[in-house]
Amino acid sequence: ALDAQFDYPVRLIPVEVARLSADQRARVARGEV
């Protein structure tokens, strides 16, 4: 529903699919954007 309302995509993706490095994954886990 949110994806339909926003002008840009809103999705849930598995962690392993995300294009993030190990450092970035650690930062996301700590609550950073």
PDB file of all heavy atoms in Angstrom:
ATOM      1  N   ALA A   1       0.826  -1.207   0.000  1.00  0.00           N
ATOM      2  CA  ALA A   1       0.000   0.000   0.000  1.00  0.00           C
ATOM      3  C   ALA A   1       0.861   1.257   0.000  1.00  0.00           C
ATOM      4  O   ALA A   1       0.590   2.235  -0.715  1.00  0.00           O
ATOM      5  CB  ALA A   1      -0.928  -0.001   1.202  1.00  0.00           C
ATOM      6  N   LEU A   2       1.946   1.224   0.805  1.00  0.00           N
ATOM      7  CA  LEU A   2       2.845   2.378   0.841  1.00  0.00           C
ATOM      8  C   LEU A   2       3.566   2.583  -0.497  1.00  0.00           C
ATOM      9  O   LEU A   2       3.772   3.704  -0.949  1.00  0.00           O
ATOM     10  CB  LEU A   2       3.887   2.206   1.957  1.00  0.00           C
ATOM     11  CG  LEU A   2       3.327   2.254   3.397  1.00  0.00           C
ATOM     12  CD1 LEU A   2       4.423   1.883   4.394  1.00  0.00           C
ATOM     13  CD2 LEU A   2       2.770   3.641   3.698  1.00  0.00           C
ATOM     14  N   ASP A   3       3.939   1.458  -1.139  1.00  0.00           N
ATOM     15  CA  ASP A   3       4.638   1.544  -2.418  1.00  0.00           C
ATOM     16  C   ASP A   3       3.763   2.225  -3.472  1.00  0.00           C
ATOM     17  O   ASP A   3       4.269   2.962  -4.327  1.00  0.00           O
ATOM     18  CB  ASP A   3       5.022   0.144  -2.877  1.00  0.00           C
ATOM     19  CG  ASP A   3       5.802   0.162  -4.175  1.00  0.00           C
ATOM     20  OD1 ASP A   3       6.884   0.801  -4.225  1.00  0.00           O
ATOM     21  OD2 ASP A   3       5.346  -0.437  -5.160  1.00  0.00           O
ATOM     22  N   ALA A   4       2.453   1.982  -3.390  1.00  0.00           N
ATOM     23  CA  ALA A   4       1.533   2.596  -4.345  1.00  0.00           C
ATOM     24  C   ALA A   4       1.353   4.083  -4.078  1.00  0.00           C
ATOM     25  O   ALA A   4       1.028   4.858  -4.985  1.00  0.00           O
ATOM     26  CB  ALA A   4       0.185   1.884  -4.308  1.00  0.00           C
ATOM     27  N   GLN A   5       1.563   4.490  -2.808  1.00  0.00           N
ATOM     28  CA  GLN A   5       1.338   5.891  -2.454  1.00  0.00           C
ATOM     29  C   GLN A   5       2.567   6.785  -2.699  1.00  0.00           C
ATOM     30  O   GLN A   5       2.421   7.965  -2.970  1.00  0.00           O
ATOM     31  CB  GLN A   5       0.926   5.987  -0.975  1.00  0.00           C
ATOM     32  CG  GLN A   5      -0.412   5.306  -0.683  1.00  0.00           C
ATOM     33  CD  GLN A   5      -0.748   5.304   0.811  1.00  0.00           C
ATOM     34  OE1 GLN A   5       0.011   5.839   1.628  1.00  0.00           O
ATOM     35  NE2 GLN A   5      -1.870   4.707   1.170  1.00  0.00           N
ATOM     36  N   PHE A   6       3.764   6.201  -2.587  1.00  0.00           N
ATOM     37  CA  PHE A   6       4.995   6.998  -2.716  1.00  0.00           C
ATOM     38  C   PHE A   6       5.414   7.112  -4.193  1.00  0.00           C
ATOM     39  O   PHE A   6       5.086   6.253  -5.019  1.00  0.00           O
ATOM     40  CB  PHE A   6       6.137   6.352  -1.913  1.00  0.00           C
ATOM     41  CG  PHE A   6       6.064   6.667  -0.438  1.00  0.00           C
ATOM     42  CD1 PHE A   6       5.149   6.019   0.397  1.00  0.00           C
ATOM     43  CD2 PHE A   6       6.902   7.634   0.106  1.00  0.00           C
ATOM     44  CE1 PHE A   6       5.080   6.311   1.746  1.00  0.00           C
ATOM     45  CE2 PHE A   6       6.828   7.916   1.458  1.00  0.00           C
ATOM     46  CZ  PHE A   6       5.921   7.271   2.285  1.00  0.00           C
ATOM     47  N   ASP A   7       6.160   8.176  -4.507  1.00  0.00           N
ATOM     48  CA  ASP A   7       6.663   8.383  -5.856  1.00  0.00           C
ATOM     49  C   ASP A   7       7.888   7.519  -6.156  1.00  0.00           C
ATOM     50  O   ASP A   7       8.321   7.431  -7.312  1.00  0.00           O
ATOM     51  CB  ASP A   7       7.042   9.855  -6.083  1.00  0.00           C
ATOM     52  CG  ASP A   7       5.798  10.740  -6.145  1.00  0.00           C
ATOM     53  OD1 ASP A   7       4.727  10.198  -6.497  1.00  0.00           O
ATOM     54  OD2 ASP A   7       5.904  11.947  -5.854  1.00  0.00           O
ATOM     55  N   TYR A   8       8.465   6.919  -5.149  1.00  0.00           N
ATOM     56  CA  TYR A   8       9.610   6.031  -5.325  1.00  0.00           C
ATOM     57  C   TYR A   8       9.275   4.677  -4.692  1.00  0.00           C
ATOM     58  O   TYR A   8       8.380   4.584  -3.848  1.00  0.00           O
ATOM     59  CB  TYR A   8      10.873   6.639  -4.702  1.00  0.00           C
ATOM     60  CG  TYR A   8      10.671   7.188  -3.302  1.00  0.00           C
ATOM     61  CD1 TYR A   8      10.723   6.333  -2.180  1.00  0.00           C
ATOM     62  CD2 TYR A   8      10.427   8.536  -3.095  1.00  0.00           C
ATOM     63  CE1 TYR A   8      10.537   6.834  -0.917  1.00  0.00           C
ATOM     64  CE2 TYR A   8      10.239   9.038  -1.826  1.00  0.00           C
ATOM     65  CZ  TYR A   8      10.295   8.186  -0.737  1.00  0.00           C
ATOM     66  OH  TYR A   8      10.097   8.671   0.525  1.00  0.00           O
ATOM     67  N   PRO A   9       9.982   3.640  -5.086  1.00  0.00           N
ATOM     68  CA  PRO A   9       9.655   2.300  -4.586  1.00  0.00           C
ATOM     69  C   PRO A   9       9.861   2.182  -3.082  1.00  0.00           C
ATOM     70  O   PRO A   9      10.814   2.738  -2.518  1.00  0.00           O
ATOM     71  CB  PRO A   9      10.626   1.385  -5.345  1.00  0.00           C
ATOM     72  CG  PRO A   9      11.045   2.158  -6.555  1.00  0.00           C
ATOM     73  CD  PRO A   9      11.036   3.591  -6.122  1.00  0.00           C
ATOM     74  N   VAL A  10       8.986   1.415  -2.460  1.00  0.00           N
ATOM     75  CA  VAL A  10       9.080   1.047  -1.044  1.00  0.00           C
ATOM     76  C   VAL A  10       8.947  -0.465  -0.986  1.00  0.00           C
ATOM     77  O   VAL A  10       7.905  -1.016  -1.369  1.00  0.00           O
ATOM     78  CB  VAL A  10       7.998   1.722  -0.181  1.00  0.00           C
ATOM     79  CG1 VAL A  10       8.116   1.272   1.274  1.00  0.00           C
ATOM     80  CG2 VAL A  10       8.098   3.237  -0.288  1.00  0.00           C
ATOM     81  N   ARG A  11      10.043  -1.154  -0.506  1.00  0.00           N
ATOM     82  CA  ARG A  11      10.034  -2.613  -0.539  1.00  0.00           C
ATOM     83  C   ARG A  11      10.684  -3.179   0.700  1.00  0.00           C
ATOM     84  O   ARG A  11      11.414  -2.475   1.411  1.00  0.00           O
ATOM     85  CB  ARG A  11      10.789  -3.126  -1.773  1.00  0.00           C
ATOM     86  CG  ARG A  11      10.098  -2.847  -3.101  1.00  0.00           C
ATOM     87  CD  ARG A  11      11.023  -3.202  -4.262  1.00  0.00           C
ATOM     88  NE  ARG A  11      12.153  -2.284  -4.350  1.00  0.00           N
ATOM     89  CZ  ARG A  11      13.241  -2.499  -5.083  1.00  0.00           C
ATOM     90  NH1 ARG A  11      13.340  -3.616  -5.801  1.00  0.00           N
ATOM     91  NH2 ARG A  11      14.227  -1.610  -5.113  1.00  0.00           N
ATOM     92  N   LEU A  12      10.373  -4.472   0.923  1.00  0.00           N
ATOM     93  CA  LEU A  12      11.090  -5.268   1.918  1.00  0.00           C
ATOM     94  C   LEU A  12      11.956  -6.274   1.174  1.00  0.00           C
ATOM     95  O   LEU A  12      11.474  -6.985   0.288  1.00  0.00           O
ATOM     96  CB  LEU A  12      10.112  -6.004   2.834  1.00  0.00           C
ATOM     97  CG  LEU A  12       9.272  -5.129   3.774  1.00  0.00           C
ATOM     98  CD1 LEU A  12       8.248  -5.986   4.512  1.00  0.00           C
ATOM     99  CD2 LEU A  12      10.158  -4.404   4.771  1.00  0.00           C
ATOM    100  N   ILE A  13      13.254  -6.307   1.465  1.00  0.00           N
ATOM    101  CA  ILE A  13      14.146  -7.230   0.766  1.00  0.00           C
ATOM    102  C   ILE A  13      14.955  -8.016   1.778  1.00  0.00           C
ATOM    103  O   ILE A  13      15.195  -7.552   2.908  1.00  0.00           O
ATOM    104  CB  ILE A  13      15.113  -6.463  -0.165  1.00  0.00           C
ATOM    105  CG1 ILE A  13      15.997  -5.507   0.654  1.00  0.00           C
ATOM    106  CG2 ILE A  13      14.354  -5.687  -1.231  1.00  0.00           C
ATOM    107  CD1 ILE A  13      17.114  -4.869  -0.156  1.00  0.00           C
ATOM    108  N   PRO A  14      15.362  -9.251   1.420  1.00  0.00           N
ATOM    109  CA  PRO A  14      16.230 -10.021   2.326  1.00  0.00           C
ATOM    110  C   PRO A  14      17.565  -9.309   2.520  1.00  0.00           C
ATOM    111  O   PRO A  14      18.063  -8.601   1.635  1.00  0.00           O
ATOM    112  CB  PRO A  14      16.418 -11.346   1.584  1.00  0.00           C
ATOM    113  CG  PRO A  14      15.271 -11.433   0.642  1.00  0.00           C
ATOM    114  CD  PRO A  14      14.960 -10.021   0.242  1.00  0.00           C
ATOM    115  N   VAL A  15      18.154  -9.519   3.655  1.00  0.00           N
ATOM    116  CA  VAL A  15      19.430  -8.869   3.978  1.00  0.00           C
ATOM    117  C   VAL A  15      20.519  -9.274   2.994  1.00  0.00           C
ATOM    118  O   VAL A  15      21.328  -8.450   2.571  1.00  0.00           O
ATOM    119  CB  VAL A  15      19.854  -9.218   5.422  1.00  0.00           C
ATOM    120  CG1 VAL A  15      21.245  -8.648   5.727  1.00  0.00           C
ATOM    121  CG2 VAL A  15      18.846  -8.663   6.416  1.00  0.00           C
ATOM    122  N   GLU A  16      20.507 -10.578   2.589  1.00  0.00           N
ATOM    123  CA  GLU A  16      21.579 -11.032   1.694  1.00  0.00           C
ATOM    124  C   GLU A  16      21.468 -10.461   0.283  1.00  0.00           C
ATOM    125  O   GLU A  16      22.427 -10.453  -0.470  1.00  0.00           O
ATOM    126  CB  GLU A  16      21.592 -12.563   1.615  1.00  0.00           C
ATOM    127  CG  GLU A  16      20.298 -13.176   1.118  1.00  0.00           C
ATOM    128  CD  GLU A  16      19.315 -13.453   2.265  1.00  0.00           C
ATOM    129  OE1 GLU A  16      19.574 -12.954   3.394  1.00  0.00           O
ATOM    130  OE2 GLU A  16      18.332 -14.156   2.023  1.00  0.00           O
ATOM    131  N   VAL A  17      20.287  -9.977  -0.094  1.00  0.00           N
ATOM    132  CA  VAL A  17      20.105  -9.392  -1.431  1.00  0.00           C
ATOM    133  C   VAL A  17      20.539  -7.931  -1.459  1.00  0.00           C
ATOM    134  O   VAL A  17      20.873  -7.385  -2.516  1.00  0.00           O
ATOM    135  CB  VAL A  17      18.633  -9.534  -1.861  1.00  0.00           C
ATOM    136  CG1 VAL A  17      18.388  -8.862  -3.211  1.00  0.00           C
ATOM    137  CG2 VAL A  17      18.243 -11.004  -1.922  1.00  0.00           C
ATOM    138  N   ALA A  18      20.542  -7.287  -0.330  1.00  0.00           N
ATOM    139  CA  ALA A  18      20.891  -5.864  -0.259  1.00  0.00           C
ATOM    140  C   ALA A  18      22.327  -5.643  -0.737  1.00  0.00           C
ATOM    141  O   ALA A  18      23.228  -6.423  -0.436  1.00  0.00           O
ATOM    142  CB  ALA A  18      20.706  -5.342   1.159  1.00  0.00           C
ATOM    143  N   ARG A  19      22.548  -4.547  -1.476  1.00  0.00           N
ATOM    144  CA  ARG A  19      23.871  -4.209  -1.997  1.00  0.00           C
ATOM    145  C   ARG A  19      24.658  -3.422  -0.950  1.00  0.00           C
ATOM    146  O   ARG A  19      24.935  -2.238  -1.099  1.00  0.00           O
ATOM    147  CB  ARG A  19      23.744  -3.399  -3.277  1.00  0.00           C
ATOM    148  CG  ARG A  19      22.942  -4.094  -4.363  1.00  0.00           C
ATOM    149  CD  ARG A  19      22.712  -3.165  -5.540  1.00  0.00           C
ATOM    150  NE  ARG A  19      21.878  -3.779  -6.571  1.00  0.00           N
ATOM    151  CZ  ARG A  19      21.455  -3.169  -7.660  1.00  0.00           C
ATOM    152  NH1 ARG A  19      21.811  -1.896  -7.869  1.00  0.00           N
ATOM    153  NH2 ARG A  19      20.707  -3.798  -8.544  1.00  0.00           N
ATOM    154  N   LEU A  20      24.966  -4.145   0.144  1.00  0.00           N
ATOM    155  CA  LEU A  20      25.655  -3.504   1.261  1.00  0.00           C
ATOM    156  C   LEU A  20      26.910  -4.285   1.601  1.00  0.00           C
ATOM    157  O   LEU A  20      26.973  -5.505   1.462  1.00  0.00           O
ATOM    158  CB  LEU A  20      24.747  -3.436   2.490  1.00  0.00           C
ATOM    159  CG  LEU A  20      23.449  -2.625   2.349  1.00  0.00           C
ATOM    160  CD1 LEU A  20      22.614  -2.753   3.609  1.00  0.00           C
ATOM    161  CD2 LEU A  20      23.764  -1.161   2.058  1.00  0.00           C
ATOM    162  N   SER A  21      27.914  -3.551   2.039  1.00  0.00           N
ATOM    163  CA  SER A  21      29.129  -4.191   2.533  1.00  0.00           C
ATOM    164  C   SER A  21      28.912  -4.669   3.960  1.00  0.00           C
ATOM    165  O   SER A  21      27.873  -4.378   4.586  1.00  0.00           O
ATOM    166  CB  SER A  21      30.289  -3.200   2.466  1.00  0.00           C
ATOM    167  OG  SER A  21      30.037  -2.085   3.330  1.00  0.00           O
ATOM    168  N   ALA A  22      29.870  -5.388   4.477  1.00  0.00           N
ATOM    169  CA  ALA A  22      29.756  -5.896   5.850  1.00  0.00           C
ATOM    170  C   ALA A  22      29.690  -4.746   6.837  1.00  0.00           C
ATOM    171  O   ALA A  22      28.917  -4.798   7.825  1.00  0.00           O
ATOM    172  CB  ALA A  22      30.955  -6.806   6.154  1.00  0.00           C
ATOM    173  N   ASP A  23      30.464  -3.691   6.608  1.00  0.00           N
ATOM    174  CA  ASP A  23      30.442  -2.539   7.504  1.00  0.00           C
ATOM    175  C   ASP A  23      29.091  -1.853   7.476  1.00  0.00           C
ATOM    176  O   ASP A  23      28.563  -1.462   8.521  1.00  0.00           O
ATOM    177  CB  ASP A  23      31.543  -1.558   7.097  1.00  0.00           C
ATOM    178  CG  ASP A  23      31.543  -0.315   7.968  1.00  0.00           C
ATOM    179  OD1 ASP A  23      31.846  -0.440   9.175  1.00  0.00           O
ATOM    180  OD2 ASP A  23      31.230   0.782   7.455  1.00  0.00           O
ATOM    181  N   GLN A  24      28.520  -1.724   6.239  1.00  0.00           N
ATOM    182  CA  GLN A  24      27.213  -1.076   6.130  1.00  0.00           C
ATOM    183  C   GLN A  24      26.119  -1.921   6.792  1.00  0.00           C
ATOM    184  O   GLN A  24      25.196  -1.373   7.408  1.00  0.00           O
ATOM    185  CB  GLN A  24      26.890  -0.835   4.653  1.00  0.00           C
ATOM    186  CG  GLN A  24      27.734   0.264   4.017  1.00  0.00           C
ATOM    187  CD  GLN A  24      27.490   0.382   2.529  1.00  0.00           C
ATOM    188  OE1 GLN A  24      27.168  -0.613   1.872  1.00  0.00           O
ATOM    189  NE2 GLN A  24      27.664   1.593   1.984  1.00  0.00           N
ATOM    190  N   ARG A  25      26.210  -3.248   6.670  1.00  0.00           N
ATOM    191  CA  ARG A  25      25.219  -4.115   7.333  1.00  0.00           C
ATOM    192  C   ARG A  25      25.307  -3.982   8.853  1.00  0.00           C
ATOM    193  O   ARG A  25      24.274  -3.979   9.555  1.00  0.00           O
ATOM    194  CB  ARG A  25      25.448  -5.556   6.923  1.00  0.00           C
ATOM    195  CG  ARG A  25      25.098  -5.824   5.462  1.00  0.00           C
ATOM    196  CD  ARG A  25      25.304  -7.276   5.113  1.00  0.00           C
ATOM    197  NE  ARG A  25      25.004  -7.524   3.700  1.00  0.00           N
ATOM    198  CZ  ARG A  25      25.070  -8.705   3.111  1.00  0.00           C
ATOM    199  NH1 ARG A  25      25.460  -9.766   3.823  1.00  0.00           N
ATOM    200  NH2 ARG A  25      24.785  -8.832   1.828  1.00  0.00           N
ATOM    201  N   ALA A  26      26.519  -3.832   9.338  1.00  0.00           N
ATOM    202  CA  ALA A  26      26.668  -3.670  10.790  1.00  0.00           C
ATOM    203  C   ALA A  26      26.064  -2.350  11.235  1.00  0.00           C
ATOM    204  O   ALA A  26      25.421  -2.272  12.298  1.00  0.00           O
ATOM    205  CB  ALA A  26      28.150  -3.735  11.157  1.00  0.00           C
ATOM    206  N   ARG A  27      26.260  -1.322  10.432  1.00  0.00           N
ATOM    207  CA  ARG A  27      25.699  -0.022  10.789  1.00  0.00           C
ATOM    208  C   ARG A  27      24.177  -0.053  10.739  1.00  0.00           C
ATOM    209  O   ARG A  27      23.498   0.570  11.568  1.00  0.00           O
ATOM    210  CB  ARG A  27      26.254   1.046   9.850  1.00  0.00           C
ATOM    211  CG  ARG A  27      27.737   1.338  10.077  1.00  0.00           C
ATOM    212  CD  ARG A  27      28.332   2.147   8.931  1.00  0.00           C
ATOM    213  NE  ARG A  27      27.598   3.392   8.720  1.00  0.00           N
ATOM    214  CZ  ARG A  27      27.743   4.153   7.644  1.00  0.00           C
ATOM    215  NH1 ARG A  27      28.586   3.779   6.677  1.00  0.00           N
ATOM    216  NH2 ARG A  27      27.044   5.265   7.517  1.00  0.00           N
ATOM    217  N   VAL A  28      23.617  -0.755   9.715  1.00  0.00           N
ATOM    218  CA  VAL A  28      22.152  -0.871   9.658  1.00  0.00           C
ATOM    219  C   VAL A  28      21.626  -1.605  10.884  1.00  0.00           C
ATOM    220  O   VAL A  28      20.576  -1.248  11.462  1.00  0.00           O
ATOM    221  CB  VAL A  28      21.732  -1.600   8.362  1.00  0.00           C
ATOM    222  CG1 VAL A  28      20.258  -1.979   8.414  1.00  0.00           C
ATOM    223  CG2 VAL A  28      21.993  -0.718   7.151  1.00  0.00           C
ATOM    224  N   ALA A  29      22.344  -2.621  11.299  1.00  0.00           N
ATOM    225  CA  ALA A  29      21.908  -3.392  12.476  1.00  0.00           C
ATOM    226  C   ALA A  29      21.915  -2.530  13.726  1.00  0.00           C
ATOM    227  O   ALA A  29      21.123  -2.780  14.663  1.00  0.00           O
ATOM    228  CB  ALA A  29      22.816  -4.606  12.652  1.00  0.00           C
ATOM    229  N   ARG A  30      22.778  -1.524  13.762  1.00  0.00           N
ATOM    230  CA  ARG A  30      22.814  -0.633  14.928  1.00  0.00           C
ATOM    231  C   ARG A  30      21.741   0.450  14.853  1.00  0.00           C
ATOM    232  O   ARG A  30      21.677   1.325  15.709  1.00  0.00           O
ATOM    233  CB  ARG A  30      24.192   0.032  15.019  1.00  0.00           C
ATOM    234  CG  ARG A  30      25.318  -0.933  15.360  1.00  0.00           C
ATOM    235  CD  ARG A  30      26.551  -0.162  15.833  1.00  0.00           C
ATOM    236  NE  ARG A  30      27.051   0.743  14.820  1.00  0.00           N
ATOM    237  CZ  ARG A  30      28.004   0.428  13.926  1.00  0.00           C
ATOM    238  NH1 ARG A  30      28.537  -0.795  13.937  1.00  0.00           N
ATOM    239  NH2 ARG A  30      28.405   1.303  13.048  1.00  0.00           N
ATOM    240  N   GLY A  31      20.936   0.456  13.766  1.00  0.00           N
ATOM    241  CA  GLY A  31      19.840   1.407  13.657  1.00  0.00           C
ATOM    242  C   GLY A  31      20.141   2.617  12.791  1.00  0.00           C
ATOM    243  O   GLY A  31      19.319   3.540  12.716  1.00  0.00           O
ATOM    244  N   GLU A  32      21.276   2.601  12.099  1.00  0.00           N
ATOM    245  CA  GLU A  32      21.604   3.733  11.231  1.00  0.00           C
ATOM    246  C   GLU A  32      20.894   3.584   9.888  1.00  0.00           C
ATOM    247  O   GLU A  32      20.540   2.491   9.457  1.00  0.00           O
ATOM    248  CB  GLU A  32      23.123   3.800  10.998  1.00  0.00           C
ATOM    249  CG  GLU A  32      23.922   4.100  12.248  1.00  0.00           C
ATOM    250  CD  GLU A  32      25.394   4.260  11.945  1.00  0.00           C
ATOM    251  OE1 GLU A  32      25.711   4.566  10.762  1.00  0.00           O
ATOM    252  OE2 GLU A  32      26.222   4.104  12.857  1.00  0.00           O
ATOM    253  N   VAL A  33      20.700   4.731   9.234  1.00  0.00           N
ATOM    254  CA  VAL A  33      20.122   4.758   7.887  1.00  0.00           C
ATOM    255  C   VAL A  33      21.291   4.839   6.891  1.00  0.00           C
ATOM    256  O   VAL A  33      22.146   5.730   6.993  1.00  0.00           O
ATOM    257  CB  VAL A  33      19.173   5.942   7.711  1.00  0.00           C
ATOM    258  CG1 VAL A  33      18.696   6.025   6.257  1.00  0.00           C
ATOM    259  CG2 VAL A  33      17.995   5.830   8.671  1.00  0.00           C
TER     260      VAL A  33
END
